[in-house]
Amino acid sequence: MEDKQHRKIIADPEFQALCRRKTRFGVLLTIIVFVSTIGLLLLMPLAPKFLGTALFGFRAMSVGVLWGSFLIIGAIVVTGIYVWFANGKMQQLEDSVRRRLVDEG
């Protein structure tokens, strides 16, 4: 791609809005995973009895085990959501912007 075309795409307001939207969504998902991870890490030394509370009458199933399990599964789900968003919804918009700018150039 020519440098002129590259600059034209980057300067396009629709392309910039697309980039901002994609970045905001990625940052939101990152914050969700970060807060849940830090929450677990902070509760380990500060509230070990809470994390050790048995659930459903099973000693092996505690709040900490459940939280950790949800954290692992949640990270996989969040990754899937981002891939679905980026490759599905955003890809259509990216393709339309790219086609429009290439056709004009």
Protein backbone atom coordinates (compact mmCIF):
# COMPACT_ATOMS: atom_id res chain seq x y z
CA MET A 1 0.00 0.00 0.00
CA GLU A 2 1.30 3.40 -0.89
CA ASP A 3 2.25 5.83 1.81
CA LYS A 4 -0.28 8.33 0.46
CA GLN A 5 -3.10 5.77 0.65
CA HIS A 6 -1.99 4.76 4.14
CA ARG A 7 -2.14 8.37 5.36
CA LYS A 8 -5.54 8.84 3.73
CA ILE A 9 -6.97 5.81 5.53
CA ILE A 10 -5.53 6.87 8.90
CA ALA A 11 -6.85 10.44 8.46
CA ASP A 12 -10.37 9.28 7.57
CA PRO A 13 -12.83 10.20 10.37
CA GLU A 14 -14.87 7.01 9.91
CA PHE A 15 -11.73 4.88 10.24
CA GLN A 16 -10.68 6.79 13.36
CA ALA A 17 -14.13 6.26 14.90
CA LEU A 18 -13.86 2.57 14.10
CA CYS A 19 -10.47 2.37 15.82
CA ARG A 20 -11.76 4.23 18.89
CA ARG A 21 -14.76 1.91 19.16
CA LYS A 22 -12.61 -1.20 18.90
CA THR A 23 -10.14 0.16 21.47
CA ARG A 24 -12.89 1.11 23.95
CA PHE A 25 -14.42 -2.36 23.71
CA GLY A 26 -11.03 -4.03 24.24
CA VAL A 27 -10.24 -1.80 27.21
CA LEU A 28 -13.65 -2.54 28.77
CA LEU A 29 -13.09 -6.29 28.53
CA THR A 30 -9.54 -5.91 29.86
CA ILE A 31 -10.81 -3.96 32.88
CA ILE A 32 -13.41 -6.65 33.62
CA VAL A 33 -10.77 -9.40 33.66
CA PHE A 34 -8.26 -7.22 35.55
CA VAL A 35 -10.69 -6.23 38.31
CA SER A 36 -11.88 -9.79 38.86
CA THR A 37 -8.29 -11.07 38.98
CA ILE A 38 -7.08 -8.34 41.33
CA GLY A 39 -10.16 -8.89 43.49
CA LEU A 40 -9.24 -12.53 43.97
CA LEU A 41 -5.58 -11.73 44.57
CA LEU A 42 -6.42 -9.07 47.17
CA LEU A 43 -8.91 -11.27 48.99
CA MET A 44 -6.38 -14.09 49.39
CA PRO A 45 -4.34 -12.35 52.10
CA LEU A 46 -7.10 -10.03 53.35
CA ALA A 47 -10.05 -12.43 53.67
CA PRO A 48 -8.84 -16.02 53.53
CA LYS A 49 -11.75 -17.24 55.67
CA PHE A 50 -14.25 -15.79 53.21
CA LEU A 51 -12.53 -17.49 50.27
CA GLY A 52 -12.43 -20.73 52.27
CA THR A 53 -16.16 -20.68 52.99
CA ALA A 54 -17.67 -23.98 51.86
CA LEU A 55 -20.44 -23.84 49.30
CA PHE A 56 -23.37 -26.19 48.98
CA GLY A 57 -22.15 -28.22 51.95
CA PHE A 58 -19.05 -29.48 50.10
CA ARG A 59 -15.70 -28.82 51.75
CA ALA A 60 -13.90 -29.09 48.40
CA MET A 61 -16.09 -26.39 46.81
CA SER A 62 -15.29 -23.02 48.37
CA VAL A 63 -15.84 -19.42 47.35
CA GLY A 64 -12.17 -19.19 46.30
CA VAL A 65 -12.32 -22.32 44.12
CA LEU A 66 -15.52 -21.10 42.48
CA TRP A 67 -14.10 -17.60 41.93
CA GLY A 68 -10.90 -19.02 40.42
CA SER A 69 -12.89 -21.32 38.15
CA PHE A 70 -15.07 -18.47 36.97
CA LEU A 71 -11.95 -16.38 36.42
CA ILE A 72 -10.43 -18.98 34.10
CA ILE A 73 -13.67 -19.65 32.25
CA GLY A 74 -14.45 -15.93 32.16
CA ALA A 75 -11.12 -15.10 30.52
CA ILE A 76 -11.87 -17.63 27.78
CA VAL A 77 -15.39 -16.25 27.34
CA VAL A 78 -14.13 -12.64 27.22
CA THR A 79 -11.58 -13.62 24.57
CA GLY A 80 -14.34 -15.27 22.55
CA ILE A 81 -16.54 -12.19 22.85
CA TYR A 82 -13.74 -9.95 21.61
CA VAL A 83 -12.95 -12.24 18.68
CA TRP A 84 -16.65 -12.40 17.77
CA PHE A 85 -16.89 -8.61 17.99
CA ALA A 86 -13.69 -7.88 16.07
CA ASN A 87 -14.09 -10.52 13.37
CA GLY A 88 -17.83 -10.17 12.96
CA LYS A 89 -19.31 -6.77 13.63
CA MET A 90 -16.18 -4.68 13.24
CA GLN A 91 -14.83 -6.53 10.20
CA GLN A 92 -17.86 -5.51 8.13
CA LEU A 93 -17.29 -1.87 9.01
CA GLU A 94 -13.56 -2.15 8.32
CA ASP A 95 -14.21 -3.69 4.92
CA SER A 96 -16.70 -0.98 3.95
CA VAL A 97 -14.29 1.79 5.00
CA ARG A 98 -11.41 0.10 3.17
CA ARG A 99 -13.47 -0.37 -0.02
CA ARG A 100 -14.71 3.20 0.04
CA LEU A 101 -11.23 4.67 0.54
CA VAL A 102 -9.56 2.42 -2.02
CA ASP A 103 -12.27 3.19 -4.60
CA GLU A 104 -11.81 6.92 -4.02
CA GLY A 105 -8.02 6.68 -4.28
